[in-house]
Amino acid sequence: MMTIRPDIGKVVKERRKELGLTQKQVSELSSINKTTISEIENGRFIGSFDIFDKVIGSIDLEFIVRRKVRRIPNLDELEELFGDD
């Protein structure tokens, strides 16, 4: 499940490359600044949903909203979070 900006950015970057597009070309297709495309791909974008929507729409992606699944982390996940490093 994709819930954080870096995960979204990774999918955007993979899709852009799959289509053989540069960030500049996505910028032109979406009418969004190239710097913003880079911020999205690197998980640092904190702007509006409208901007996200224009960018992902320009590369044939869409947001899907669904009910959040809550679960308790297992022991391995807890160890990874709080282990002695």
N, C-alpha and C. Protein backbone atom coordinates (compact mmCIF):
# COMPACT_ATOMS: atom_id res chain seq x y z
N MET A 1 0.84 -1.18 0.00
CA MET A 1 0.00 0.00 0.00
C MET A 1 0.89 1.24 0.00
N MET A 2 0.59 2.16 -0.85
CA MET A 2 1.36 3.37 -0.96
C MET A 2 0.78 4.44 -0.04
N THR A 3 1.55 4.88 0.94
CA THR A 3 1.01 5.87 1.86
C THR A 3 1.93 7.04 2.10
N ILE A 4 3.15 6.99 1.59
CA ILE A 4 4.06 8.09 1.86
C ILE A 4 4.61 8.67 0.56
N ARG A 5 5.00 9.93 0.64
CA ARG A 5 5.45 10.65 -0.54
C ARG A 5 6.60 9.97 -1.30
N PRO A 6 7.60 9.42 -0.59
CA PRO A 6 8.66 8.74 -1.35
C PRO A 6 8.16 7.58 -2.20
N ASP A 7 7.16 6.85 -1.69
CA ASP A 7 6.60 5.75 -2.47
C ASP A 7 5.88 6.26 -3.71
N ILE A 8 5.14 7.34 -3.55
CA ILE A 8 4.45 7.94 -4.70
C ILE A 8 5.49 8.43 -5.71
N GLY A 9 6.51 9.10 -5.21
CA GLY A 9 7.56 9.61 -6.09
C GLY A 9 8.25 8.51 -6.88
N LYS A 10 8.48 7.38 -6.22
CA LYS A 10 9.12 6.25 -6.89
C LYS A 10 8.26 5.76 -8.06
N VAL A 11 6.97 5.65 -7.83
CA VAL A 11 6.05 5.19 -8.89
C VAL A 11 6.01 6.21 -10.03
N VAL A 12 5.98 7.49 -9.70
CA VAL A 12 5.96 8.53 -10.73
C VAL A 12 7.23 8.45 -11.57
N LYS A 13 8.37 8.33 -10.91
CA LYS A 13 9.65 8.27 -11.63
C LYS A 13 9.73 7.03 -12.51
N GLU A 14 9.30 5.87 -11.97
CA GLU A 14 9.33 4.63 -12.75
C GLU A 14 8.43 4.74 -13.98
N ARG A 15 7.24 5.32 -13.81
CA ARG A 15 6.31 5.46 -14.92
C ARG A 15 6.86 6.42 -15.98
N ARG A 16 7.45 7.53 -15.51
CA ARG A 16 8.03 8.49 -16.45
C ARG A 16 9.11 7.81 -17.30
N LYS A 17 9.98 7.06 -16.66
CA LYS A 17 11.05 6.37 -17.38
C LYS A 17 10.50 5.29 -18.30
N GLU A 18 9.45 4.59 -17.82
CA GLU A 18 8.80 3.57 -18.64
C GLU A 18 8.28 4.18 -19.94
N LEU A 19 7.79 5.41 -19.86
CA LEU A 19 7.28 6.11 -21.04
C LEU A 19 8.39 6.77 -21.85
N GLY A 20 9.61 6.72 -21.33
CA GLY A 20 10.74 7.32 -22.05
C GLY A 20 10.73 8.84 -22.02
N LEU A 21 10.19 9.41 -20.95
CA LEU A 21 10.07 10.86 -20.84
C LEU A 21 11.11 11.43 -19.87
N THR A 22 11.52 12.65 -20.13
CA THR A 22 12.36 13.39 -19.19
C THR A 22 11.45 14.16 -18.23
N GLN A 23 12.04 14.66 -17.15
CA GLN A 23 11.26 15.51 -16.24
C GLN A 23 10.78 16.76 -16.98
N LYS A 24 11.60 17.27 -17.86
CA LYS A 24 11.21 18.46 -18.64
C LYS A 24 9.99 18.17 -19.51
N GLN A 25 9.95 17.00 -20.11
CA GLN A 25 8.79 16.64 -20.93
C GLN A 25 7.53 16.47 -20.09
N VAL A 26 7.66 15.87 -18.92
CA VAL A 26 6.50 15.75 -18.01
C VAL A 26 6.06 17.14 -17.57
N SER A 27 7.03 18.01 -17.35
CA SER A 27 6.71 19.39 -16.99
C SER A 27 5.88 20.06 -18.08
N GLU A 28 6.27 19.84 -19.32
CA GLU A 28 5.54 20.42 -20.44
C GLU A 28 4.15 19.81 -20.59
N LEU A 29 4.05 18.50 -20.40
CA LEU A 29 2.75 17.82 -20.52
C LEU A 29 1.77 18.25 -19.43
N SER A 30 2.30 18.46 -18.23
CA SER A 30 1.45 18.75 -17.08
C SER A 30 1.30 20.24 -16.77
N SER A 31 2.11 21.07 -17.42
CA SER A 31 2.16 22.52 -17.12
C SER A 31 2.59 22.78 -15.68
N ILE A 32 3.43 21.89 -15.14
CA ILE A 32 3.97 22.03 -13.79
C ILE A 32 5.48 22.18 -13.91
N ASN A 33 6.05 23.08 -13.13
CA ASN A 33 7.48 23.36 -13.17
C ASN A 33 8.32 22.10 -12.99
N LYS A 34 9.42 22.01 -13.73
CA LYS A 34 10.32 20.85 -13.67
C LYS A 34 10.86 20.62 -12.26
N THR A 35 11.12 21.69 -11.53
CA THR A 35 11.59 21.56 -10.15
C THR A 35 10.56 20.82 -9.29
N THR A 36 9.30 21.09 -9.52
CA THR A 36 8.23 20.41 -8.78
C THR A 36 8.18 18.93 -9.16
N ILE A 37 8.39 18.60 -10.43
CA ILE A 37 8.43 17.21 -10.86
C ILE A 37 9.54 16.48 -10.09
N SER A 38 10.70 17.11 -9.99
CA SER A 38 11.82 16.54 -9.26
C SER A 38 11.47 16.35 -7.78
N GLU A 39 10.83 17.34 -7.17
CA GLU A 39 10.43 17.24 -5.76
C GLU A 39 9.46 16.07 -5.55
N ILE A 40 8.53 15.89 -6.48
CA ILE A 40 7.59 14.78 -6.38
C ILE A 40 8.33 13.46 -6.45
N GLU A 41 9.20 13.33 -7.45
CA GLU A 41 9.92 12.07 -7.64
C GLU A 41 10.85 11.74 -6.47
N ASN A 42 11.33 12.77 -5.78
CA ASN A 42 12.23 12.56 -4.65
C ASN A 42 11.53 12.54 -3.30
N GLY A 43 10.18 12.57 -3.33
CA GLY A 43 9.41 12.46 -2.09
C GLY A 43 9.43 13.70 -1.23
N ARG A 44 9.78 14.84 -1.80
CA ARG A 44 9.89 16.07 -1.01
C ARG A 44 8.77 17.08 -1.29
N PHE A 45 7.86 16.75 -2.19
CA PHE A 45 6.81 17.69 -2.56
C PHE A 45 5.75 17.75 -1.47
N ILE A 46 5.40 18.96 -1.03
CA ILE A 46 4.38 19.13 0.00
C ILE A 46 3.26 20.06 -0.46
N GLY A 47 3.15 20.21 -1.77
CA GLY A 47 2.15 21.12 -2.33
C GLY A 47 0.76 20.53 -2.43
N SER A 48 -0.02 21.09 -3.31
CA SER A 48 -1.44 20.76 -3.41
C SER A 48 -1.72 19.46 -4.15
N PHE A 49 -2.86 18.90 -3.86
CA PHE A 49 -3.33 17.71 -4.55
C PHE A 49 -3.52 18.00 -6.04
N ASP A 50 -3.96 19.20 -6.37
CA ASP A 50 -4.18 19.57 -7.77
C ASP A 50 -2.90 19.41 -8.60
N ILE A 51 -1.77 19.80 -8.01
CA ILE A 51 -0.50 19.67 -8.72
C ILE A 51 -0.14 18.20 -8.89
N PHE A 52 -0.25 17.42 -7.80
CA PHE A 52 -0.03 15.97 -7.90
C PHE A 52 -0.89 15.39 -9.01
N ASP A 53 -2.16 15.75 -9.02
CA ASP A 53 -3.11 15.21 -9.98
C ASP A 53 -2.73 15.54 -11.42
N LYS A 54 -2.29 16.77 -11.66
CA LYS A 54 -1.86 17.15 -13.01
C LYS A 54 -0.65 16.33 -13.47
N VAL A 55 0.29 16.16 -12.55
CA VAL A 55 1.51 15.42 -12.91
C VAL A 55 1.20 13.96 -13.17
N ILE A 56 0.50 13.31 -12.24
CA ILE A 56 0.25 11.88 -12.45
C ILE A 56 -0.69 11.64 -13.62
N GLY A 57 -1.62 12.55 -13.84
CA GLY A 57 -2.52 12.42 -14.99
C GLY A 57 -1.79 12.52 -16.31
N SER A 58 -0.73 13.33 -16.33
CA SER A 58 0.02 13.52 -17.57
C SER A 58 0.81 12.28 -17.96
N ILE A 59 1.01 11.36 -17.02
CA ILE A 59 1.73 10.11 -17.33
C ILE A 59 0.83 8.89 -17.13
N ASP A 60 -0.47 9.12 -17.25
CA ASP A 60 -1.47 8.05 -17.21
C ASP A 60 -1.47 7.25 -15.91
N LEU A 61 -1.36 7.97 -14.79
CA LEU A 61 -1.54 7.37 -13.47
C LEU A 61 -2.74 8.04 -12.82
N GLU A 62 -3.25 7.43 -11.76
CA GLU A 62 -4.37 8.03 -11.03
C GLU A 62 -4.24 7.69 -9.56
N PHE A 63 -4.81 8.56 -8.72
CA PHE A 63 -4.90 8.28 -7.29
C PHE A 63 -6.12 7.42 -7.04
N ILE A 64 -5.98 6.49 -6.13
CA ILE A 64 -7.12 5.68 -5.70
C ILE A 64 -7.22 5.84 -4.19
N VAL A 65 -8.38 6.23 -3.72
CA VAL A 65 -8.60 6.42 -2.29
C VAL A 65 -9.40 5.24 -1.78
N ARG A 66 -8.91 4.66 -0.69
CA ARG A 66 -9.62 3.54 -0.08
C ARG A 66 -9.45 3.60 1.42
N ARG A 67 -10.28 2.86 2.10
CA ARG A 67 -10.25 2.82 3.55
C ARG A 67 -8.89 2.30 4.01
N LYS A 68 -8.34 2.95 5.00
CA LYS A 68 -7.03 2.57 5.52
C LYS A 68 -7.15 1.29 6.34
N VAL A 69 -6.20 0.39 6.10
CA VAL A 69 -6.16 -0.86 6.84
C VAL A 69 -5.19 -0.67 8.00
N ARG A 70 -5.67 -0.88 9.20
CA ARG A 70 -4.82 -0.73 10.37
C ARG A 70 -4.45 -2.11 10.88
N ARG A 71 -3.18 -2.25 11.23
CA ARG A 71 -2.73 -3.52 11.77
C ARG A 71 -1.62 -3.29 12.77
N ILE A 72 -1.43 -4.25 13.62
CA ILE A 72 -0.37 -4.18 14.61
C ILE A 72 0.91 -4.71 13.98
N PRO A 73 2.04 -3.99 14.14
CA PRO A 73 3.29 -4.48 13.54
C PRO A 73 3.72 -5.80 14.17
N ASN A 74 4.37 -6.65 13.37
CA ASN A 74 4.86 -7.91 13.91
C ASN A 74 6.20 -7.68 14.60
N LEU A 75 6.72 -8.71 15.27
CA LEU A 75 7.95 -8.56 16.04
C LEU A 75 9.15 -8.15 15.19
N ASP A 76 9.26 -8.69 13.99
CA ASP A 76 10.38 -8.32 13.11
C ASP A 76 10.33 -6.83 12.75
N GLU A 77 9.12 -6.32 12.50
CA GLU A 77 8.98 -4.91 12.17
C GLU A 77 9.33 -4.03 13.37
N LEU A 78 8.92 -4.46 14.56
CA LEU A 78 9.26 -3.71 15.76
C LEU A 78 10.77 -3.72 16.00
N GLU A 79 11.40 -4.86 15.80
CA GLU A 79 12.84 -4.97 15.96
C GLU A 79 13.55 -4.03 14.98
N GLU A 80 13.05 -3.97 13.77
CA GLU A 80 13.64 -3.10 12.76
C GLU A 80 13.52 -1.64 13.16
N LEU A 81 12.38 -1.28 13.75
CA LEU A 81 12.16 0.11 14.18
C LEU A 81 12.97 0.50 15.41
N PHE A 82 13.04 -0.43 16.38
CA PHE A 82 13.61 -0.09 17.68
C PHE A 82 14.85 -0.89 18.05
N GLY A 83 15.42 -1.61 17.08
CA GLY A 83 16.60 -2.45 17.36
C GLY A 83 17.80 -1.64 17.78
N ASP A 84 18.76 -2.32 18.36
CA ASP A 84 20.01 -1.69 18.80
C ASP A 84 20.98 -1.59 17.64
N ASP A 85 21.08 -0.39 17.07
CA ASP A 85 22.03 -0.19 15.96
C ASP A 85 23.19 0.61 16.41
